């Protein structure tokens, strides 16, 4: 069970990281964007660390309070939840 959870966390974080990359690229080129709610949903279901790393790697959404404050809060909540479950 722990192996499946670890694989899930790795995959969702890779997806979240790539979503930030794709959204940054599309913001530069003026194409359709990934909705902020979708990005926050990916973070909420376990991709918060990948998204946080992507946010600062690509310098994307760093001035949005939803992300600059919201993502660390989501990470903190997820850490508390995991500690409680373990």
PDB file of N, CA and C in Angstrom:
ATOM      1  N   UNK A   1       0.817  -1.196   0.000  1.00  0.00           N
ATOM      2  CA  UNK A   1       0.000   0.000   0.000  1.00  0.00           C
ATOM      3  C   UNK A   1       0.864   1.266   0.000  1.00  0.00           C
ATOM      4  N   UNK A   2       1.951   1.234   0.779  1.00  0.00           N
ATOM      5  CA  UNK A   2       2.840   2.390   0.830  1.00  0.00           C
ATOM      6  C   UNK A   2       3.514   2.619  -0.517  1.00  0.00           C
ATOM      7  N   UNK A   3       3.801   1.528  -1.239  1.00  0.00           N
ATOM      8  CA  UNK A   3       4.422   1.652  -2.559  1.00  0.00           C
ATOM      9  C   UNK A   3       3.481   2.352  -3.542  1.00  0.00           C
ATOM     10  N   UNK A   4       2.210   1.994  -3.500  1.00  0.00           N
ATOM     11  CA  UNK A   4       1.222   2.615  -4.386  1.00  0.00           C
ATOM     12  C   UNK A   4       1.085   4.094  -4.053  1.00  0.00           C
ATOM     13  N   UNK A   5       1.054   4.419  -2.763  1.00  0.00           N
ATOM     14  CA  UNK A   5       0.951   5.816  -2.337  1.00  0.00           C
ATOM     15  C   UNK A   5       2.172   6.607  -2.802  1.00  0.00           C
ATOM     16  N   UNK A   6       3.344   6.044  -2.670  1.00  0.00           N
ATOM     17  CA  UNK A   6       4.574   6.722  -3.092  1.00  0.00           C
ATOM     18  C   UNK A   6       4.579   6.957  -4.603  1.00  0.00           C
ATOM     19  N   UNK A   7       4.171   5.955  -5.371  1.00  0.00           N
ATOM     20  CA  UNK A   7       4.084   6.109  -6.827  1.00  0.00           C
ATOM     21  C   UNK A   7       3.083   7.200  -7.183  1.00  0.00           C
ATOM     22  N   UNK A   8       1.935   7.213  -6.496  1.00  0.00           N
ATOM     23  CA  UNK A   8       0.921   8.241  -6.737  1.00  0.00           C
ATOM     24  C   UNK A   8       1.478   9.639  -6.465  1.00  0.00           C
ATOM     25  N   UNK A   9       2.149   9.810  -5.343  1.00  0.00           N
ATOM     26  CA  UNK A   9       2.699  11.120  -4.972  1.00  0.00           C
ATOM     27  C   UNK A   9       3.738  11.575  -6.001  1.00  0.00           C
ATOM     28  N   UNK A  10       4.578  10.676  -6.437  1.00  0.00           N
ATOM     29  CA  UNK A  10       5.582  11.026  -7.446  1.00  0.00           C
ATOM     30  C   UNK A  10       4.906  11.444  -8.752  1.00  0.00           C
ATOM     31  N   UNK A  11       3.926  10.665  -9.193  1.00  0.00           N
ATOM     32  CA  UNK A  11       3.253  10.972 -10.460  1.00  0.00           C
ATOM     33  C   UNK A  11       2.470  12.287 -10.404  1.00  0.00           C
ATOM     34  N   UNK A  12       1.719  12.513  -9.334  1.00  0.00           N
ATOM     35  CA  UNK A  12       0.913  13.732  -9.244  1.00  0.00           C
ATOM     36  C   UNK A  12       1.807  14.968  -9.128  1.00  0.00           C
ATOM     37  N   UNK A  13       2.951  14.833  -8.503  1.00  0.00           N
ATOM     38  CA  UNK A  13       3.873  15.960  -8.424  1.00  0.00           C
ATOM     39  C   UNK A  13       4.540  16.237  -9.766  1.00  0.00           C
ATOM     40  N   UNK A  14       4.855  15.202 -10.526  1.00  0.00           N
ATOM     41  CA  UNK A  14       5.384  15.400 -11.879  1.00  0.00           C
ATOM     42  C   UNK A  14       4.340  16.062 -12.778  1.00  0.00           C
ATOM     43  N   UNK A  15       3.101  15.631 -12.657  1.00  0.00           N
ATOM     44  CA  UNK A  15       2.018  16.235 -13.434  1.00  0.00           C
ATOM     45  C   UNK A  15       1.845  17.699 -13.053  1.00  0.00           C
ATOM     46  N   UNK A  16       1.872  18.000 -11.762  1.00  0.00           N
ATOM     47  CA  UNK A  16       1.711  19.379 -11.295  1.00  0.00           C
ATOM     48  C   UNK A  16       2.866  20.263 -11.746  1.00  0.00           C
ATOM     49  N   UNK A  17       4.062  19.750 -11.668  1.00  0.00           N
ATOM     50  CA  UNK A  17       5.243  20.485 -12.121  1.00  0.00           C
ATOM     51  C   UNK A  17       5.123  20.805 -13.616  1.00  0.00           C
ATOM     52  N   UNK A  18       4.741  19.805 -14.392  1.00  0.00           N
ATOM     53  CA  UNK A  18       4.579  20.000 -15.833  1.00  0.00           C
ATOM     54  C   UNK A  18       3.426  20.938 -16.155  1.00  0.00           C
ATOM     55  N   UNK A  19       2.371  20.915 -15.349  1.00  0.00           N
ATOM     56  CA  UNK A  19       1.247  21.827 -15.566  1.00  0.00           C
ATOM     57  C   UNK A  19       1.699  23.279 -15.409  1.00  0.00           C
ATOM     58  N   UNK A  20       2.561  23.544 -14.431  1.00  0.00           N
ATOM     59  CA  UNK A  20       3.086  24.901 -14.272  1.00  0.00           C
ATOM     60  C   UNK A  20       3.949  25.276 -15.472  1.00  0.00           C
ATOM     61  N   UNK A  21       4.743  24.353 -15.972  1.00  0.00           N
ATOM     62  CA  UNK A  21       5.571  24.599 -17.147  1.00  0.00           C
ATOM     63  C   UNK A  21       4.706  24.913 -18.371  1.00  0.00           C
ATOM     64  N   UNK A  22       3.691  24.092 -18.588  1.00  0.00           N
ATOM     65  CA  UNK A  22       2.805  24.285 -19.740  1.00  0.00           C
ATOM     66  C   UNK A  22       2.072  25.621 -19.626  1.00  0.00           C
ATOM     67  N   UNK A  23       1.555  25.931 -18.444  1.00  0.00           N
ATOM     68  CA  UNK A  23       0.831  27.184 -18.269  1.00  0.00           C
ATOM     69  C   UNK A  23       1.743  28.387 -18.475  1.00  0.00           C
ATOM     70  N   UNK A  24       2.975  28.307 -18.027  1.00  0.00           N
ATOM     71  CA  UNK A  24       3.932  29.394 -18.244  1.00  0.00           C
ATOM     72  C   UNK A  24       4.205  29.577 -19.734  1.00  0.00           C
ATOM     73  N   UNK A  25       4.449  28.482 -20.427  1.00  0.00           N
ATOM     74  CA  UNK A  25       4.694  28.559 -21.869  1.00  0.00           C
ATOM     75  C   UNK A  25       3.510  29.180 -22.597  1.00  0.00           C
ATOM     76  N   UNK A  26       2.310  28.774 -22.212  1.00  0.00           N
ATOM     77  CA  UNK A  26       1.119  29.294 -22.884  1.00  0.00           C
ATOM     78  C   UNK A  26       0.860  30.752 -22.521  1.00  0.00           C
ATOM     79  N   UNK A  27       1.261  31.171 -21.342  1.00  0.00           N
ATOM     80  CA  UNK A  27       1.086  32.577 -20.974  1.00  0.00           C
ATOM     81  C   UNK A  27       2.003  33.465 -21.812  1.00  0.00           C
ATOM     82  N   UNK A  28       3.175  32.964 -22.138  1.00  0.00           N
ATOM     83  CA  UNK A  28       4.118  33.723 -22.959  1.00  0.00           C
ATOM     84  C   UNK A  28       3.616  33.821 -24.397  1.00  0.00           C
ATOM     85  N   UNK A  29       3.079  32.715 -24.919  1.00  0.00           N
ATOM     86  CA  UNK A  29       2.661  32.695 -26.316  1.00  0.00           C
ATOM     87  C   UNK A  29       1.237  33.205 -26.537  1.00  0.00           C
ATOM     88  N   UNK A  30       0.506  33.478 -25.467  1.00  0.00           N
ATOM     89  CA  UNK A  30      -0.841  34.008 -25.597  1.00  0.00           C
ATOM     90  C   UNK A  30      -1.894  32.969 -25.938  1.00  0.00           C
ATOM     91  N   UNK A  31      -1.595  31.696 -25.750  1.00  0.00           N
ATOM     92  CA  UNK A  31      -2.552  30.625 -26.023  1.00  0.00           C
ATOM     93  C   UNK A  31      -3.448  30.418 -24.809  1.00  0.00           C
ATOM     94  N   UNK A  32      -4.423  29.494 -24.946  1.00  0.00           N
ATOM     95  CA  UNK A  32      -5.319  29.219 -23.824  1.00  0.00           C
ATOM     96  C   UNK A  32      -4.516  28.697 -22.656  1.00  0.00           C
ATOM     97  N   UNK A  33      -4.991  28.981 -21.474  1.00  0.00           N
ATOM     98  CA  UNK A  33      -4.253  28.695 -20.243  1.00  0.00           C
ATOM     99  C   UNK A  33      -4.942  27.609 -19.430  1.00  0.00           C
ATOM    100  N   UNK A  34      -4.199  27.050 -18.511  1.00  0.00           N
ATOM    101  CA  UNK A  34      -4.754  26.122 -17.534  1.00  0.00           C
ATOM    102  C   UNK A  34      -5.404  26.975 -16.442  1.00  0.00           C
ATOM    103  N   UNK A  35      -6.620  26.643 -16.064  1.00  0.00           N
ATOM    104  CA  UNK A  35      -7.338  27.420 -15.061  1.00  0.00           C
ATOM    105  C   UNK A  35      -6.623  27.344 -13.713  1.00  0.00           C
ATOM    106  N   UNK A  36      -6.684  28.445 -12.970  1.00  0.00           N
ATOM    107  CA  UNK A  36      -6.079  28.459 -11.637  1.00  0.00           C
ATOM    108  C   UNK A  36      -6.724  27.425 -10.729  1.00  0.00           C
ATOM    109  N   UNK A  37      -8.025  27.224 -10.882  1.00  0.00           N
ATOM    110  CA  UNK A  37      -8.700  26.214 -10.055  1.00  0.00           C
ATOM    111  C   UNK A  37      -8.161  24.817 -10.343  1.00  0.00           C
ATOM    112  N   UNK A  38      -7.814  24.563 -11.599  1.00  0.00           N
ATOM    113  CA  UNK A  38      -7.238  23.255 -11.952  1.00  0.00           C
ATOM    114  C   UNK A  38      -5.863  23.094 -11.315  1.00  0.00           C
ATOM    115  N   UNK A  39      -5.055  24.143 -11.374  1.00  0.00           N
ATOM    116  CA  UNK A  39      -3.729  24.087 -10.754  1.00  0.00           C
ATOM    117  C   UNK A  39      -3.840  23.887  -9.238  1.00  0.00           C
ATOM    118  N   UNK A  40      -4.755  24.597  -8.611  1.00  0.00           N
ATOM    119  CA  UNK A  40      -4.934  24.443  -7.162  1.00  0.00           C
ATOM    120  C   UNK A  40      -5.504  23.068  -6.816  1.00  0.00           C
ATOM    121  N   UNK A  41      -6.357  22.531  -7.678  1.00  0.00           N
ATOM    122  CA  UNK A  41      -6.887  21.188  -7.462  1.00  0.00           C
ATOM    123  C   UNK A  41      -5.765  20.155  -7.516  1.00  0.00           C
ATOM    124  N   UNK A  42      -4.875  20.299  -8.503  1.00  0.00           N
ATOM    125  CA  UNK A  42      -3.734  19.376  -8.592  1.00  0.00           C
ATOM    126  C   UNK A  42      -2.889  19.439  -7.322  1.00  0.00           C
ATOM    127  N   UNK A  43      -2.704  20.638  -6.792  1.00  0.00           N
ATOM    128  CA  UNK A  43      -1.945  20.793  -5.548  1.00  0.00           C
ATOM    129  C   UNK A  43      -2.676  20.125  -4.387  1.00  0.00           C
ATOM    130  N   UNK A  44      -3.977  20.310  -4.335  1.00  0.00           N
ATOM    131  CA  UNK A  44      -4.766  19.777  -3.222  1.00  0.00           C
ATOM    132  C   UNK A  44      -4.810  18.255  -3.196  1.00  0.00           C
ATOM    133  N   UNK A  45      -4.721  17.623  -4.366  1.00  0.00           N
ATOM    134  CA  UNK A  45      -4.781  16.151  -4.391  1.00  0.00           C
ATOM    135  C   UNK A  45      -3.401  15.512  -4.295  1.00  0.00           C
ATOM    136  N   UNK A  46      -2.405  16.310  -3.915  1.00  0.00           N
ATOM    137  CA  UNK A  46      -1.094  15.729  -3.626  1.00  0.00           C
ATOM    138  C   UNK A  46       0.061  16.292  -4.422  1.00  0.00           C
ATOM    139  N   UNK A  47      -0.199  17.179  -5.371  1.00  0.00           N
ATOM    140  CA  UNK A  47       0.867  17.701  -6.210  1.00  0.00           C
ATOM    141  C   UNK A  47       1.413  19.041  -5.775  1.00  0.00           C
ATOM    142  N   UNK A  48       1.248  19.374  -4.522  1.00  0.00           N
ATOM    143  CA  UNK A  48       1.625  20.708  -4.034  1.00  0.00           C
ATOM    144  C   UNK A  48       3.131  20.963  -4.093  1.00  0.00           C
ATOM    145  N   UNK A  49       3.926  19.991  -3.782  1.00  0.00           N
ATOM    146  CA  UNK A  49       5.379  20.198  -3.781  1.00  0.00           C
ATOM    147  C   UNK A  49       5.890  20.374  -5.216  1.00  0.00           C
ATOM    148  N   UNK A  50       5.415  19.565  -6.140  1.00  0.00           N
ATOM    149  CA  UNK A  50       5.801  19.707  -7.536  1.00  0.00           C
ATOM    150  C   UNK A  50       5.380  21.048  -8.109  1.00  0.00           C
ATOM    151  N   UNK A  51       4.192  21.472  -7.722  1.00  0.00           N
ATOM    152  CA  UNK A  51       3.698  22.755  -8.204  1.00  0.00           C
ATOM    153  C   UNK A  51       4.477  23.916  -7.587  1.00  0.00           C
ATOM    154  N   UNK A  52       4.823  23.795  -6.335  1.00  0.00           N
ATOM    155  CA  UNK A  52       5.597  24.840  -5.654  1.00  0.00           C
ATOM    156  C   UNK A  52       6.990  24.960  -6.285  1.00  0.00           C
ATOM    157  N   UNK A  53       7.613  23.843  -6.543  1.00  0.00           N
ATOM    158  CA  UNK A  53       8.925  23.857  -7.201  1.00  0.00           C
ATOM    159  C   UNK A  53       8.800  24.439  -8.607  1.00  0.00           C
ATOM    160  N   UNK A  54       7.766  24.035  -9.334  1.00  0.00           N
ATOM    161  CA  UNK A  54       7.540  24.563 -10.675  1.00  0.00           C
ATOM    162  C   UNK A  54       7.256  26.054 -10.673  1.00  0.00           C
ATOM    163  N   UNK A  55       6.547  26.514  -9.660  1.00  0.00           N
ATOM    164  CA  UNK A  55       6.220  27.928  -9.554  1.00  0.00           C
ATOM    165  C   UNK A  55       7.489  28.777  -9.502  1.00  0.00           C
ATOM    166  N   UNK A  56       8.463  28.361  -8.736  1.00  0.00           N
ATOM    167  CA  UNK A  56       9.698  29.132  -8.608  1.00  0.00           C
ATOM    168  C   UNK A  56      10.728  28.798  -9.688  1.00  0.00           C
ATOM    169  N   UNK A  57      10.688  27.590 -10.222  1.00  0.00           N
ATOM    170  CA  UNK A  57      11.582  27.238 -11.325  1.00  0.00           C
ATOM    171  C   UNK A  57      11.257  28.066 -12.564  1.00  0.00           C
ATOM    172  N   UNK A  58       9.963  28.182 -12.856  1.00  0.00           N
ATOM    173  CA  UNK A  58       9.534  28.882 -14.065  1.00  0.00           C
ATOM    174  C   UNK A  58       9.114  30.329 -13.797  1.00  0.00           C
ATOM    175  N   UNK A  59       9.238  30.769 -12.548  1.00  0.00           N
ATOM    176  CA  UNK A  59       8.817  32.117 -12.139  1.00  0.00           C
ATOM    177  C   UNK A  59       7.404  32.405 -12.632  1.00  0.00           C
ATOM    178  N   UNK A  60       6.513  31.531 -12.240  1.00  0.00           N
ATOM    179  CA  UNK A  60       5.134  31.596 -12.705  1.00  0.00           C
ATOM    180  C   UNK A  60       4.182  31.596 -11.522  1.00  0.00           C
ATOM    181  N   UNK A  61       3.284  32.556 -11.476  1.00  0.00           N
ATOM    182  CA  UNK A  61       2.267  32.698 -10.426  1.00  0.00           C
ATOM    183  C   UNK A  61       2.874  33.067  -9.074  1.00  0.00           C
ATOM    184  N   UNK A  62       4.089  33.565  -9.053  1.00  0.00           N
ATOM    185  CA  UNK A  62       4.744  33.890  -7.777  1.00  0.00           C
ATOM    186  C   UNK A  62       4.161  35.140  -7.130  1.00  0.00           C
ATOM    187  N   UNK A  63       3.480  35.985  -7.882  1.00  0.00           N
ATOM    188  CA  UNK A  63       2.882  37.198  -7.321  1.00  0.00           C
ATOM    189  C   UNK A  63       1.407  37.022  -6.976  1.00  0.00           C
ATOM    190  N   UNK A  64       0.869  35.841  -7.240  1.00  0.00           N
ATOM    191  CA  UNK A  64      -0.527  35.552  -6.925  1.00  0.00           C
ATOM    192  C   UNK A  64      -0.604  34.987  -5.508  1.00  0.00           C
ATOM    193  N   UNK A  65      -1.378  35.649  -4.644  1.00  0.00           N
ATOM    194  CA  UNK A  65      -1.490  35.196  -3.258  1.00  0.00           C
ATOM    195  C   UNK A  65      -2.070  33.785  -3.162  1.00  0.00           C
ATOM    196  N   UNK A  66      -2.943  33.428  -4.105  1.00  0.00           N
ATOM    197  CA  UNK A  66      -3.496  32.068  -4.095  1.00  0.00           C
ATOM    198  C   UNK A  66      -2.383  31.027  -4.144  1.00  0.00           C
ATOM    199  N   UNK A  67      -1.299  31.373  -4.807  1.00  0.00           N
ATOM    200  CA  UNK A  67      -0.204  30.421  -4.977  1.00  0.00           C
ATOM    201  C   UNK A  67       0.952  30.684  -4.010  1.00  0.00           C
ATOM    202  N   UNK A  68       1.346  31.936  -3.839  1.00  0.00           N
ATOM    203  CA  UNK A  68       2.499  32.226  -2.974  1.00  0.00           C
ATOM    204  C   UNK A  68       2.193  31.944  -1.504  1.00  0.00           C
ATOM    205  N   UNK A  69       0.937  32.072  -1.108  1.00  0.00           N
ATOM    206  CA  UNK A  69       0.541  31.753   0.267  1.00  0.00           C
ATOM    207  C   UNK A  69      -0.220  30.436   0.312  1.00  0.00           C
ATOM    208  N   UNK A  70      -1.063  30.211  -0.698  1.00  0.00           N
ATOM    209  CA  UNK A  70      -1.913  29.021  -0.718  1.00  0.00           C
ATOM    210  C   UNK A  70      -1.153  27.714  -0.813  1.00  0.00           C
ATOM    211  N   UNK A  71      -0.154  27.657  -1.679  1.00  0.00           N
ATOM    212  CA  UNK A  71       0.594  26.400  -1.829  1.00  0.00           C
ATOM    213  C   UNK A  71       1.340  26.006  -0.557  1.00  0.00           C
ATOM    214  N   UNK A  72       2.048  26.934   0.109  1.00  0.00           N
ATOM    215  CA  UNK A  72       2.672  26.529   1.374  1.00  0.00           C
ATOM    216  C   UNK A  72       1.648  26.062   2.426  1.00  0.00           C
ATOM    217  N   UNK A  73       0.474  26.690   2.432  1.00  0.00           N
ATOM    218  CA  UNK A  73      -0.569  26.250   3.365  1.00  0.00           C
ATOM    219  C   UNK A  73      -1.071  24.852   3.023  1.00  0.00           C
ATOM    220  N   UNK A  74      -1.215  24.570   1.743  1.00  0.00           N
ATOM    221  CA  UNK A  74      -1.635  23.229   1.316  1.00  0.00           C
ATOM    222  C   UNK A  74      -0.567  22.205   1.691  1.00  0.00           C
ATOM    223  N   UNK A  75       0.689  22.543   1.466  1.00  0.00           N
ATOM    224  CA  UNK A  75       1.788  21.632   1.833  1.00  0.00           C
ATOM    225  C   UNK A  75       1.766  21.365   3.333  1.00  0.00           C
ATOM    226  N   UNK A  76       1.603  22.415   4.123  1.00  0.00           N
ATOM    227  CA  UNK A  76       1.557  22.282   5.583  1.00  0.00           C
ATOM    228  C   UNK A  76       0.393  21.384   6.005  1.00  0.00           C
ATOM    229  N   UNK A  77      -0.782  21.604   5.414  1.00  0.00           N
ATOM    230  CA  UNK A  77      -1.949  20.786   5.746  1.00  0.00           C
ATOM    231  C   UNK A  77      -1.732  19.328   5.359  1.00  0.00           C
ATOM    232  N   UNK A  78      -1.096  19.106   4.217  1.00  0.00           N
ATOM    233  CA  UNK A  78      -0.837  17.729   3.777  1.00  0.00           C
ATOM    234  C   UNK A  78       0.165  17.039   4.688  1.00  0.00           C
ATOM    235  N   UNK A  79       1.159  17.770   5.156  1.00  0.00           N
ATOM    236  CA  UNK A  79       2.131  17.192   6.095  1.00  0.00           C
ATOM    237  C   UNK A  79       1.446  16.810   7.391  1.00  0.00           C
ATOM    238  N   UNK A  80       0.576  17.685   7.893  1.00  0.00           N
ATOM    239  CA  UNK A  80      -0.167  17.374   9.115  1.00  0.00           C
ATOM    240  C   UNK A  80      -1.055  16.138   8.918  1.00  0.00           C
ATOM    241  N   UNK A  81      -1.703  16.059   7.777  1.00  0.00           N
ATOM    242  CA  UNK A  81      -2.578  14.911   7.488  1.00  0.00           C
ATOM    243  C   UNK A  81      -1.777  13.609   7.422  1.00  0.00           C
ATOM    244  N   UNK A  82      -0.642  13.641   6.761  1.00  0.00           N
ATOM    245  CA  UNK A  82       0.185  12.437   6.655  1.00  0.00           C
ATOM    246  C   UNK A  82       0.701  12.022   8.031  1.00  0.00           C
ATOM    247  N   UNK A  83       1.134  12.999   8.845  1.00  0.00           N
ATOM    248  CA  UNK A  83       1.608  12.671  10.198  1.00  0.00           C
ATOM    249  C   UNK A  83       0.507  12.042  11.033  1.00  0.00           C
ATOM    250  N   UNK A  84      -0.713  12.546  10.850  1.00  0.00           N
ATOM    251  CA  UNK A  84      -1.841  12.008  11.614  1.00  0.00           C
ATOM    252  C   UNK A  84      -2.178  10.587  11.175  1.00  0.00           C
ATOM    253  N   UNK A  85      -2.017  10.307   9.892  1.00  0.00           N
ATOM    254  CA  UNK A  85      -2.348   8.978   9.375  1.00  0.00           C
ATOM    255  C   UNK A  85      -1.268   7.948   9.706  1.00  0.00           C
ATOM    256  N   UNK A  86      -0.044   8.413   9.894  1.00  0.00           N
ATOM    257  CA  UNK A  86       1.059   7.467  10.167  1.00  0.00           C
ATOM    258  C   UNK A  86       1.156   7.146  11.605  1.00  0.00           C
TER     259      UNK A  86
END
